[in-house]
Structures are given as C-alpha cells and as structure tokens.
C-alpha cells in the first residue's frame, strides 16, 4: 500500500526517493486535482536541485500519487484518514443487492 511504500522510500538512503516521500507526505491532505507546490519551491525547501524534485515527482506519477496533465502535475488521489474512507465492498457484494 501507499503508506508502506512511502516509508520504504524514507529509509532507502536514495535522495530522489526520500524527496518523493517528503512530497507525498506534504500533499497527503490535499484533494484530487490540487497542484503540489512548484518544483522551485520544493527544491529550495529540501535543499536539492530541481532535477531531483522532477525525478521525485516522476516516481510519484509512476505510483499513481501524482498525475501529469498538460505538463503540470496534480494530486491523483486524495488520502483522507482511514476512518473517513468508505470501506471497500467485495466485488461480489453488488450481486446480492440487485435481485
């Protein structure tokens, strides 16, 4: 799941993955299609190059955390606390309700 993936990146020792994890944490409360902070601001905040931030955003895109549309990144999924999220219904559940 996303949480264990982010935790793995944080402890990887790989700068790009660490930055990806930090960006993922930063955008965790945002809604779908919100824009993450610009790369210039993130590179200044984390004291890394904009190339590193771009590479980190690519990792987040590859894992479905960000989406790239018209050369701009957006939050792909809103991550509410688990208690707010609706429980996932088993795929066969719907068959029982429509008889």
PDB file of N, CA and C in Angstrom:
ATOM      1  N   UNK A   1       0.838  -1.205   0.000  1.00  0.00           N
ATOM      2  CA  UNK A   1       0.000   0.000   0.000  1.00  0.00           C
ATOM      3  C   UNK A   1       0.867   1.247   0.000  1.00  0.00           C
ATOM      4  N   UNK A   2       0.247   2.389  -0.218  1.00  0.00           N
ATOM      5  CA  UNK A   2       0.993   3.631  -0.401  1.00  0.00           C
ATOM      6  C   UNK A   2       1.810   3.992   0.831  1.00  0.00           C
ATOM      7  N   UNK A   3       1.245   3.813   2.002  1.00  0.00           N
ATOM      8  CA  UNK A   3       1.930   4.191   3.239  1.00  0.00           C
ATOM      9  C   UNK A   3       3.235   3.422   3.421  1.00  0.00           C
ATOM     10  N   UNK A   4       3.201   2.108   3.203  1.00  0.00           N
ATOM     11  CA  UNK A   4       4.433   1.322   3.385  1.00  0.00           C
ATOM     12  C   UNK A   4       5.454   1.653   2.310  1.00  0.00           C
ATOM     13  N   UNK A   5       4.972   1.992   1.117  1.00  0.00           N
ATOM     14  CA  UNK A   5       5.864   2.403   0.032  1.00  0.00           C
ATOM     15  C   UNK A   5       6.589   3.702   0.403  1.00  0.00           C
ATOM     16  N   UNK A   6       5.846   4.682   0.911  1.00  0.00           N
ATOM     17  CA  UNK A   6       6.435   5.968   1.309  1.00  0.00           C
ATOM     18  C   UNK A   6       7.445   5.751   2.431  1.00  0.00           C
ATOM     19  N   UNK A   7       7.105   4.918   3.383  1.00  0.00           N
ATOM     20  CA  UNK A   7       8.024   4.616   4.493  1.00  0.00           C
ATOM     21  C   UNK A   7       9.305   3.979   3.968  1.00  0.00           C
ATOM     22  N   UNK A   8       9.166   3.089   2.977  1.00  0.00           N
ATOM     23  CA  UNK A   8      10.339   2.440   2.371  1.00  0.00           C
ATOM     24  C   UNK A   8      11.228   3.475   1.695  1.00  0.00           C
ATOM     25  N   UNK A   9      10.605   4.433   0.982  1.00  0.00           N
ATOM     26  CA  UNK A   9      11.379   5.495   0.330  1.00  0.00           C
ATOM     27  C   UNK A   9      12.113   6.341   1.360  1.00  0.00           C
ATOM     28  N   UNK A  10      11.462   6.627   2.476  1.00  0.00           N
ATOM     29  CA  UNK A  10      12.075   7.483   3.500  1.00  0.00           C
ATOM     30  C   UNK A  10      13.362   6.874   4.055  1.00  0.00           C
ATOM     31  N   UNK A  11      13.407   5.557   4.097  1.00  0.00           N
ATOM     32  CA  UNK A  11      14.555   4.880   4.696  1.00  0.00           C
ATOM     33  C   UNK A  11      15.503   4.294   3.655  1.00  0.00           C
ATOM     34  N   UNK A  12      15.261   4.608   2.372  1.00  0.00           N
ATOM     35  CA  UNK A  12      16.035   3.969   1.296  1.00  0.00           C
ATOM     36  C   UNK A  12      17.476   4.471   1.208  1.00  0.00           C
ATOM     37  N   UNK A  13      17.716   5.701   1.700  1.00  0.00           N
ATOM     38  CA  UNK A  13      19.038   6.290   1.526  1.00  0.00           C
ATOM     39  C   UNK A  13      19.219   6.887   0.145  1.00  0.00           C
ATOM     40  N   UNK A  14      18.213   6.778  -0.712  1.00  0.00           N
ATOM     41  CA  UNK A  14      18.253   7.337  -2.059  1.00  0.00           C
ATOM     42  C   UNK A  14      17.609   8.720  -2.003  1.00  0.00           C
ATOM     43  N   UNK A  15      18.367   9.747  -2.375  1.00  0.00           N
ATOM     44  CA  UNK A  15      17.889  11.129  -2.252  1.00  0.00           C
ATOM     45  C   UNK A  15      16.569  11.340  -2.986  1.00  0.00           C
ATOM     46  N   UNK A  16      16.490  10.874  -4.219  1.00  0.00           N
ATOM     47  CA  UNK A  16      15.277  11.084  -5.007  1.00  0.00           C
ATOM     48  C   UNK A  16      14.069  10.432  -4.340  1.00  0.00           C
ATOM     49  N   UNK A  17      14.239   9.209  -3.849  1.00  0.00           N
ATOM     50  CA  UNK A  17      13.134   8.516  -3.176  1.00  0.00           C
ATOM     51  C   UNK A  17      12.760   9.213  -1.868  1.00  0.00           C
ATOM     52  N   UNK A  18      13.767   9.709  -1.158  1.00  0.00           N
ATOM     53  CA  UNK A  18      13.497  10.433   0.090  1.00  0.00           C
ATOM     54  C   UNK A  18      12.671  11.686  -0.193  1.00  0.00           C
ATOM     55  N   UNK A  19      13.044  12.424  -1.241  1.00  0.00           N
ATOM     56  CA  UNK A  19      12.303  13.634  -1.619  1.00  0.00           C
ATOM     57  C   UNK A  19      10.888  13.250  -2.073  1.00  0.00           C
ATOM     58  N   UNK A  20      10.763  12.163  -2.813  1.00  0.00           N
ATOM     59  CA  UNK A  20       9.435  11.694  -3.240  1.00  0.00           C
ATOM     60  C   UNK A  20       8.555  11.428  -2.015  1.00  0.00           C
ATOM     61  N   UNK A  21       9.135  10.795  -1.009  1.00  0.00           N
ATOM     62  CA  UNK A  21       8.386  10.509   0.225  1.00  0.00           C
ATOM     63  C   UNK A  21       7.966  11.805   0.914  1.00  0.00           C
ATOM     64  N   UNK A  22       8.873  12.777   0.964  1.00  0.00           N
ATOM     65  CA  UNK A  22       8.561  14.039   1.630  1.00  0.00           C
ATOM     66  C   UNK A  22       7.460  14.798   0.887  1.00  0.00           C
ATOM     67  N   UNK A  23       7.513  14.772  -0.450  1.00  0.00           N
ATOM     68  CA  UNK A  23       6.464  15.423  -1.241  1.00  0.00           C
ATOM     69  C   UNK A  23       5.135  14.698  -1.014  1.00  0.00           C
ATOM     70  N   UNK A  24       5.182  13.370  -1.008  1.00  0.00           N
ATOM     71  CA  UNK A  24       3.957  12.586  -0.789  1.00  0.00           C
ATOM     72  C   UNK A  24       3.324  12.933   0.561  1.00  0.00           C
ATOM     73  N   UNK A  25       4.160  13.087   1.576  1.00  0.00           N
ATOM     74  CA  UNK A  25       3.643  13.463   2.904  1.00  0.00           C
ATOM     75  C   UNK A  25       3.064  14.878   2.864  1.00  0.00           C
ATOM     76  N   UNK A  26       3.739  15.766   2.146  1.00  0.00           N
ATOM     77  CA  UNK A  26       3.303  17.169   2.071  1.00  0.00           C
ATOM     78  C   UNK A  26       1.922  17.288   1.411  1.00  0.00           C
ATOM     79  N   UNK A  27       1.669  16.469   0.390  1.00  0.00           N
ATOM     80  CA  UNK A  27       0.406  16.574  -0.345  1.00  0.00           C
ATOM     81  C   UNK A  27      -0.672  15.644   0.206  1.00  0.00           C
ATOM     82  N   UNK A  28      -0.365  14.919   1.263  1.00  0.00           N
ATOM     83  CA  UNK A  28      -1.287  13.893   1.771  1.00  0.00           C
ATOM     84  C   UNK A  28      -2.679  14.434   2.097  1.00  0.00           C
ATOM     85  N   UNK A  29      -2.769  15.670   2.574  1.00  0.00           N
ATOM     86  CA  UNK A  29      -4.068  16.201   2.942  1.00  0.00           C
ATOM     87  C   UNK A  29      -4.805  16.901   1.813  1.00  0.00           C
ATOM     88  N   UNK A  30      -4.171  16.964   0.664  1.00  0.00           N
ATOM     89  CA  UNK A  30      -4.767  17.713  -0.449  1.00  0.00           C
ATOM     90  C   UNK A  30      -5.838  16.894  -1.162  1.00  0.00           C
ATOM     91  N   UNK A  31      -6.646  17.588  -1.926  1.00  0.00           N
ATOM     92  CA  UNK A  31      -7.707  16.927  -2.676  1.00  0.00           C
ATOM     93  C   UNK A  31      -7.235  16.566  -4.072  1.00  0.00           C
ATOM     94  N   UNK A  32      -7.948  15.644  -4.675  1.00  0.00           N
ATOM     95  CA  UNK A  32      -7.671  15.250  -6.054  1.00  0.00           C
ATOM     96  C   UNK A  32      -7.660  16.494  -6.936  1.00  0.00           C
ATOM     97  N   UNK A  33      -6.706  16.577  -7.817  1.00  0.00           N
ATOM     98  CA  UNK A  33      -6.500  17.674  -8.767  1.00  0.00           C
ATOM     99  C   UNK A  33      -5.970  18.966  -8.143  1.00  0.00           C
ATOM    100  N   UNK A  34      -5.665  18.974  -6.851  1.00  0.00           N
ATOM    101  CA  UNK A  34      -4.897  20.098  -6.311  1.00  0.00           C
ATOM    102  C   UNK A  34      -3.503  20.024  -6.929  1.00  0.00           C
ATOM    103  N   UNK A  35      -2.856  21.175  -7.025  1.00  0.00           N
ATOM    104  CA  UNK A  35      -1.484  21.176  -7.536  1.00  0.00           C
ATOM    105  C   UNK A  35      -0.513  21.075  -6.370  1.00  0.00           C
ATOM    106  N   UNK A  36       0.525  20.247  -6.513  1.00  0.00           N
ATOM    107  CA  UNK A  36       1.577  20.236  -5.492  1.00  0.00           C
ATOM    108  C   UNK A  36       2.371  21.541  -5.589  1.00  0.00           C
ATOM    109  N   UNK A  37       3.167  21.872  -4.572  1.00  0.00           N
ATOM    110  CA  UNK A  37       3.985  23.085  -4.657  1.00  0.00           C
ATOM    111  C   UNK A  37       4.907  23.012  -5.880  1.00  0.00           C
ATOM    112  N   UNK A  38       5.274  24.171  -6.459  1.00  0.00           N
ATOM    113  CA  UNK A  38       6.158  24.150  -7.629  1.00  0.00           C
ATOM    114  C   UNK A  38       7.535  23.565  -7.295  1.00  0.00           C
ATOM    115  N   UNK A  39       8.164  22.990  -8.302  1.00  0.00           N
ATOM    116  CA  UNK A  39       9.475  22.357  -8.111  1.00  0.00           C
ATOM    117  C   UNK A  39      10.499  23.331  -7.536  1.00  0.00           C
ATOM    118  N   UNK A  40      10.424  24.607  -7.959  1.00  0.00           N
ATOM    119  CA  UNK A  40      11.393  25.592  -7.461  1.00  0.00           C
ATOM    120  C   UNK A  40      11.262  25.765  -5.944  1.00  0.00           C
ATOM    121  N   UNK A  41      10.018  25.789  -5.458  1.00  0.00           N
ATOM    122  CA  UNK A  41       9.792  25.939  -4.013  1.00  0.00           C
ATOM    123  C   UNK A  41      10.240  24.689  -3.258  1.00  0.00           C
ATOM    124  N   UNK A  42       9.946  23.521  -3.823  1.00  0.00           N
ATOM    125  CA  UNK A  42      10.335  22.269  -3.157  1.00  0.00           C
ATOM    126  C   UNK A  42      11.852  22.111  -3.138  1.00  0.00           C
ATOM    127  N   UNK A  43      12.522  22.490  -4.226  1.00  0.00           N
ATOM    128  CA  UNK A  43      13.979  22.338  -4.259  1.00  0.00           C
ATOM    129  C   UNK A  43      14.631  23.256  -3.229  1.00  0.00           C
ATOM    130  N   UNK A  44      14.057  24.451  -3.049  1.00  0.00           N
ATOM    131  CA  UNK A  44      14.586  25.365  -2.029  1.00  0.00           C
ATOM    132  C   UNK A  44      14.312  24.819  -0.626  1.00  0.00           C
ATOM    133  N   UNK A  45      13.102  24.311  -0.419  1.00  0.00           N
ATOM    134  CA  UNK A  45      12.725  23.800   0.907  1.00  0.00           C
ATOM    135  C   UNK A  45      13.571  22.598   1.320  1.00  0.00           C
ATOM    136  N   UNK A  46      13.823  21.698   0.376  1.00  0.00           N
ATOM    137  CA  UNK A  46      14.548  20.464   0.692  1.00  0.00           C
ATOM    138  C   UNK A  46      16.040  20.549   0.374  1.00  0.00           C
ATOM    139  N   UNK A  47      16.471  21.696  -0.144  1.00  0.00           N
ATOM    140  CA  UNK A  47      17.875  21.919  -0.472  1.00  0.00           C
ATOM    141  C   UNK A  47      18.422  20.867  -1.438  1.00  0.00           C
ATOM    142  N   UNK A  48      17.658  20.640  -2.508  1.00  0.00           N
ATOM    143  CA  UNK A  48      18.091  19.734  -3.579  1.00  0.00           C
ATOM    144  C   UNK A  48      17.854  20.446  -4.912  1.00  0.00           C
ATOM    145  N   UNK A  49      18.392  19.883  -5.989  1.00  0.00           N
ATOM    146  CA  UNK A  49      18.213  20.501  -7.300  1.00  0.00           C
ATOM    147  C   UNK A  49      16.786  20.288  -7.794  1.00  0.00           C
ATOM    148  N   UNK A  50      16.372  21.142  -8.747  1.00  0.00           N
ATOM    149  CA  UNK A  50      15.047  20.964  -9.344  1.00  0.00           C
ATOM    150  C   UNK A  50      14.973  19.660 -10.136  1.00  0.00           C
ATOM    151  N   UNK A  51      16.126  19.203 -10.632  1.00  0.00           N
ATOM    152  CA  UNK A  51      16.152  17.902 -11.334  1.00  0.00           C
ATOM    153  C   UNK A  51      15.765  16.778 -10.375  1.00  0.00           C
ATOM    154  N   UNK A  52      16.272  16.864  -9.142  1.00  0.00           N
ATOM    155  CA  UNK A  52      15.928  15.842  -8.140  1.00  0.00           C
ATOM    156  C   UNK A  52      14.433  15.881  -7.836  1.00  0.00           C
ATOM    157  N   UNK A  53      13.898  17.104  -7.693  1.00  0.00           N
ATOM    158  CA  UNK A  53      12.460  17.248  -7.431  1.00  0.00           C
ATOM    159  C   UNK A  53      11.649  16.692  -8.603  1.00  0.00           C
ATOM    160  N   UNK A  54      12.080  16.990  -9.828  1.00  0.00           N
ATOM    161  CA  UNK A  54      11.380  16.469 -11.015  1.00  0.00           C
ATOM    162  C   UNK A  54      11.416  14.942 -11.050  1.00  0.00           C
ATOM    163  N   UNK A  55      12.571  14.378 -10.719  1.00  0.00           N
ATOM    164  CA  UNK A  55      12.697  12.917 -10.682  1.00  0.00           C
ATOM    165  C   UNK A  55      11.790  12.331  -9.592  1.00  0.00           C
ATOM    166  N   UNK A  56      11.716  13.028  -8.454  1.00  0.00           N
ATOM    167  CA  UNK A  56      10.851  12.572  -7.358  1.00  0.00           C
ATOM    168  C   UNK A  56       9.383  12.619  -7.781  1.00  0.00           C
ATOM    169  N   UNK A  57       8.996  13.686  -8.480  1.00  0.00           N
ATOM    170  CA  UNK A  57       7.611  13.791  -8.964  1.00  0.00           C
ATOM    171  C   UNK A  57       7.314  12.687  -9.970  1.00  0.00           C
ATOM    172  N   UNK A  58       8.305  12.308 -10.776  1.00  0.00           N
ATOM    173  CA  UNK A  58       8.123  11.201 -11.724  1.00  0.00           C
ATOM    174  C   UNK A  58       7.853   9.895 -10.997  1.00  0.00           C
ATOM    175  N   UNK A  59       8.580   9.672  -9.899  1.00  0.00           N
ATOM    176  CA  UNK A  59       8.341   8.468  -9.083  1.00  0.00           C
ATOM    177  C   UNK A  59       6.904   8.473  -8.574  1.00  0.00           C
ATOM    178  N   UNK A  60       6.460   9.636  -8.084  1.00  0.00           N
ATOM    179  CA  UNK A  60       5.094   9.743  -7.558  1.00  0.00           C
ATOM    180  C   UNK A  60       4.059   9.533  -8.665  1.00  0.00           C
ATOM    181  N   UNK A  61       4.393   9.993  -9.870  1.00  0.00           N
ATOM    182  CA  UNK A  61       3.498   9.753 -11.008  1.00  0.00           C
ATOM    183  C   UNK A  61       3.445   8.260 -11.329  1.00  0.00           C
ATOM    184  N   UNK A  62       4.604   7.616 -11.345  1.00  0.00           N
ATOM    185  CA  UNK A  62       4.669   6.184 -11.675  1.00  0.00           C
ATOM    186  C   UNK A  62       3.861   5.335 -10.697  1.00  0.00           C
ATOM    187  N   UNK A  63       3.715   5.828  -9.460  1.00  0.00           N
ATOM    188  CA  UNK A  63       2.984   5.076  -8.440  1.00  0.00           C
ATOM    189  C   UNK A  63       1.568   5.598  -8.225  1.00  0.00           C
ATOM    190  N   UNK A  64       1.107   6.479  -9.125  1.00  0.00           N
ATOM    191  CA  UNK A  64      -0.281   6.915  -9.076  1.00  0.00           C
ATOM    192  C   UNK A  64      -0.607   7.915  -7.981  1.00  0.00           C
ATOM    193  N   UNK A  65       0.427   8.543  -7.401  1.00  0.00           N
ATOM    194  CA  UNK A  65       0.190   9.542  -6.354  1.00  0.00           C
ATOM    195  C   UNK A  65      -0.013  10.919  -6.981  1.00  0.00           C
ATOM    196  N   UNK A  66       0.732  11.178  -8.060  1.00  0.00           N
ATOM    197  CA  UNK A  66       0.529  12.391  -8.855  1.00  0.00           C
ATOM    198  C   UNK A  66       0.123  11.981 -10.265  1.00  0.00           C
ATOM    199  N   UNK A  67      -0.561  12.882 -10.963  1.00  0.00           N
ATOM    200  CA  UNK A  67      -0.813  12.669 -12.383  1.00  0.00           C
ATOM    201  C   UNK A  67      -0.252  13.859 -13.147  1.00  0.00           C
ATOM    202  N   UNK A  68       0.177  13.607 -14.367  1.00  0.00           N
ATOM    203  CA  UNK A  68       0.738  14.651 -15.215  1.00  0.00           C
ATOM    204  C   UNK A  68      -0.253  14.910 -16.341  1.00  0.00           C
ATOM    205  N   UNK A  69      -0.747  16.137 -16.406  1.00  0.00           N
ATOM    206  CA  UNK A  69      -1.655  16.530 -17.479  1.00  0.00           C
ATOM    207  C   UNK A  69      -1.212  17.884 -18.006  1.00  0.00           C
ATOM    208  N   UNK A  70      -1.082  17.983 -19.315  1.00  0.00           N
ATOM    209  CA  UNK A  70      -0.651  19.236 -19.947  1.00  0.00           C
ATOM    210  C   UNK A  70       0.619  19.799 -19.308  1.00  0.00           C
ATOM    211  N   UNK A  71       1.572  18.911 -19.053  1.00  0.00           N
ATOM    212  CA  UNK A  71       2.877  19.269 -18.481  1.00  0.00           C
ATOM    213  C   UNK A  71       2.781  19.842 -17.062  1.00  0.00           C
ATOM    214  N   UNK A  72       1.664  19.625 -16.383  1.00  0.00           N
ATOM    215  CA  UNK A  72       1.523  20.058 -14.990  1.00  0.00           C
ATOM    216  C   UNK A  72       1.152  18.849 -14.140  1.00  0.00           C
ATOM    217  N   UNK A  73       1.702  18.840 -12.940  1.00  0.00           N
ATOM    218  CA  UNK A  73       1.378  17.752 -12.014  1.00  0.00           C
ATOM    219  C   UNK A  73       0.178  18.128 -11.162  1.00  0.00           C
ATOM    220  N   UNK A  74      -0.641  17.111 -10.873  1.00  0.00           N
ATOM    221  CA  UNK A  74      -1.785  17.265  -9.978  1.00  0.00           C
ATOM    222  C   UNK A  74      -1.825  16.079  -9.023  1.00  0.00           C
ATOM    223  N   UNK A  75      -2.461  16.287  -7.886  1.00  0.00           N
ATOM    224  CA  UNK A  75      -2.649  15.196  -6.928  1.00  0.00           C
ATOM    225  C   UNK A  75      -3.633  14.203  -7.553  1.00  0.00           C
ATOM    226  N   UNK A  76      -3.239  12.936  -7.587  1.00  0.00           N
ATOM    227  CA  UNK A  76      -4.070  11.920  -8.244  1.00  0.00           C
ATOM    228  C   UNK A  76      -5.122  11.348  -7.310  1.00  0.00           C
ATOM    229  N   UNK A  77      -4.775  11.235  -6.045  1.00  0.00           N
ATOM    230  CA  UNK A  77      -5.733  10.650  -5.116  1.00  0.00           C
ATOM    231  C   UNK A  77      -5.738  11.468  -3.840  1.00  0.00           C
ATOM    232  N   UNK A  78      -6.921  11.658  -3.307  1.00  0.00           N
ATOM    233  CA  UNK A  78      -6.989  12.339  -2.020  1.00  0.00           C
ATOM    234  C   UNK A  78      -6.882  11.264  -0.948  1.00  0.00           C
ATOM    235  N   UNK A  79      -6.028  11.499   0.024  1.00  0.00           N
ATOM    236  CA  UNK A  79      -5.771  10.490   1.050  1.00  0.00           C
ATOM    237  C   UNK A  79      -6.348  10.972   2.372  1.00  0.00           C
ATOM    238  N   UNK A  80      -7.633  10.694   2.574  1.00  0.00           N
ATOM    239  CA  UNK A  80      -8.236  11.022   3.858  1.00  0.00           C
ATOM    240  C   UNK A  80      -7.774  10.012   4.905  1.00  0.00           C
ATOM    241  N   UNK A  81      -7.899  10.372   6.162  1.00  0.00           N
ATOM    242  CA  UNK A  81      -7.621   9.379   7.214  1.00  0.00           C
ATOM    243  C   UNK A  81      -8.503   8.152   7.006  1.00  0.00           C
ATOM    244  N   UNK A  82      -7.984   6.972   7.335  1.00  0.00           N
ATOM    245  CA  UNK A  82      -8.701   5.725   7.037  1.00  0.00           C
ATOM    246  C   UNK A  82     -10.116   5.665   7.609  1.00  0.00           C
ATOM    247  N   UNK A  83     -10.364   6.308   8.751  1.00  0.00           N
ATOM    248  CA  UNK A  83     -11.692   6.201   9.368  1.00  0.00           C
ATOM    249  C   UNK A  83     -12.765   6.934   8.565  1.00  0.00           C
ATOM    250  N   UNK A  84     -12.375   7.871   7.702  1.00  0.00           N
ATOM    251  CA  UNK A  84     -13.342   8.603   6.886  1.00  0.00           C
ATOM    252  C   UNK A  84     -13.631   7.819   5.608  1.00  0.00           C
ATOM    253  N   UNK A  85     -12.631   7.119   5.132  1.00  0.00           N
ATOM    254  CA  UNK A  85     -12.750   6.405   3.866  1.00  0.00           C
ATOM    255  C   UNK A  85     -13.842   5.343   3.943  1.00  0.00           C
ATOM    256  N   UNK A  86     -14.619   5.220   2.878  1.00  0.00           N
ATOM    257  CA  UNK A  86     -15.663   4.197   2.852  1.00  0.00           C
ATOM    258  C   UNK A  86     -15.001   2.825   2.782  1.00  0.00           C
ATOM    259  N   UNK A  87     -15.545   1.860   3.495  1.00  0.00           N
ATOM    260  CA  UNK A  87     -14.960   0.511   3.396  1.00  0.00           C
ATOM    261  C   UNK A  87     -15.137  -0.024   1.985  1.00  0.00           C
ATOM    262  N   UNK A  88     -14.133  -0.738   1.525  1.00  0.00           N
ATOM    263  CA  UNK A  88     -14.225  -1.307   0.182  1.00  0.00           C
ATOM    264  C   UNK A  88     -15.186  -2.491   0.227  1.00  0.00           C
ATOM    265  N   UNK A  89     -16.130  -2.468  -0.694  1.00  0.00           N
ATOM    266  CA  UNK A  89     -17.049  -3.600  -0.769  1.00  0.00           C
ATOM    267  C   UNK A  89     -16.420  -4.686  -1.617  1.00  0.00           C
ATOM    268  N   UNK A  90     -16.688  -5.890  -1.238  1.00  0.00           N
ATOM    269  CA  UNK A  90     -16.197  -7.020  -2.012  1.00  0.00           C
ATOM    270  C   UNK A  90     -16.883  -6.973  -3.378  1.00  0.00           C
ATOM    271  N   UNK A  91     -16.156  -7.268  -4.468  1.00  0.00           N
ATOM    272  CA  UNK A  91     -16.745  -7.136  -5.812  1.00  0.00           C
ATOM    273  C   UNK A  91     -18.045  -7.916  -5.987  1.00  0.00           C
ATOM    274  N   UNK A  92     -18.214  -9.023  -5.255  1.00  0.00           N
ATOM    275  CA  UNK A  92     -19.429  -9.824  -5.436  1.00  0.00           C
ATOM    276  C   UNK A  92     -20.607  -9.273  -4.646  1.00  0.00           C
ATOM    277  N   UNK A  93     -20.375  -8.319  -3.744  1.00  0.00           N
ATOM    278  CA  UNK A  93     -21.459  -7.764  -2.923  1.00  0.00           C
ATOM    279  C   UNK A  93     -22.604  -7.232  -3.770  1.00  0.00           C
ATOM    280  N   UNK A  94     -22.279  -6.541  -4.848  1.00  0.00           N
ATOM    281  CA  UNK A  94     -23.321  -5.889  -5.632  1.00  0.00           C
ATOM    282  C   UNK A  94     -24.309  -6.893  -6.221  1.00  0.00           C
ATOM    283  N   UNK A  95     -23.877  -8.121  -6.435  1.00  0.00           N
ATOM    284  CA  UNK A  95     -24.768  -9.128  -6.987  1.00  0.00           C
ATOM    285  C   UNK A  95     -25.903  -9.455  -6.027  1.00  0.00           C
ATOM    286  N   UNK A  96     -25.664  -9.333  -4.735  1.00  0.00           N
ATOM    287  CA  UNK A  96     -26.665  -9.702  -3.741  1.00  0.00           C
ATOM    288  C   UNK A  96     -27.736  -8.632  -3.586  1.00  0.00           C
ATOM    289  N   UNK A  97     -27.465  -7.412  -4.000  1.00  0.00           N
ATOM    290  CA  UNK A  97     -28.393  -6.315  -3.743  1.00  0.00           C
ATOM    291  C   UNK A  97     -29.388  -6.111  -4.890  1.00  0.00           C
ATOM    292  N   UNK A  98     -29.137  -6.683  -6.053  1.00  0.00           N
ATOM    293  CA  UNK A  98     -29.982  -6.397  -7.209  1.00  0.00           C
ATOM    294  C   UNK A  98     -30.631  -7.686  -7.707  1.00  0.00           C
ATOM    295  N   UNK A  99     -31.564  -8.211  -6.937  1.00  0.00           N
ATOM    296  CA  UNK A  99     -32.224  -9.448  -7.355  1.00  0.00           C
ATOM    297  C   UNK A  99     -33.632  -9.166  -7.820  1.00  0.00           C
TER     298      UNK A  99
END
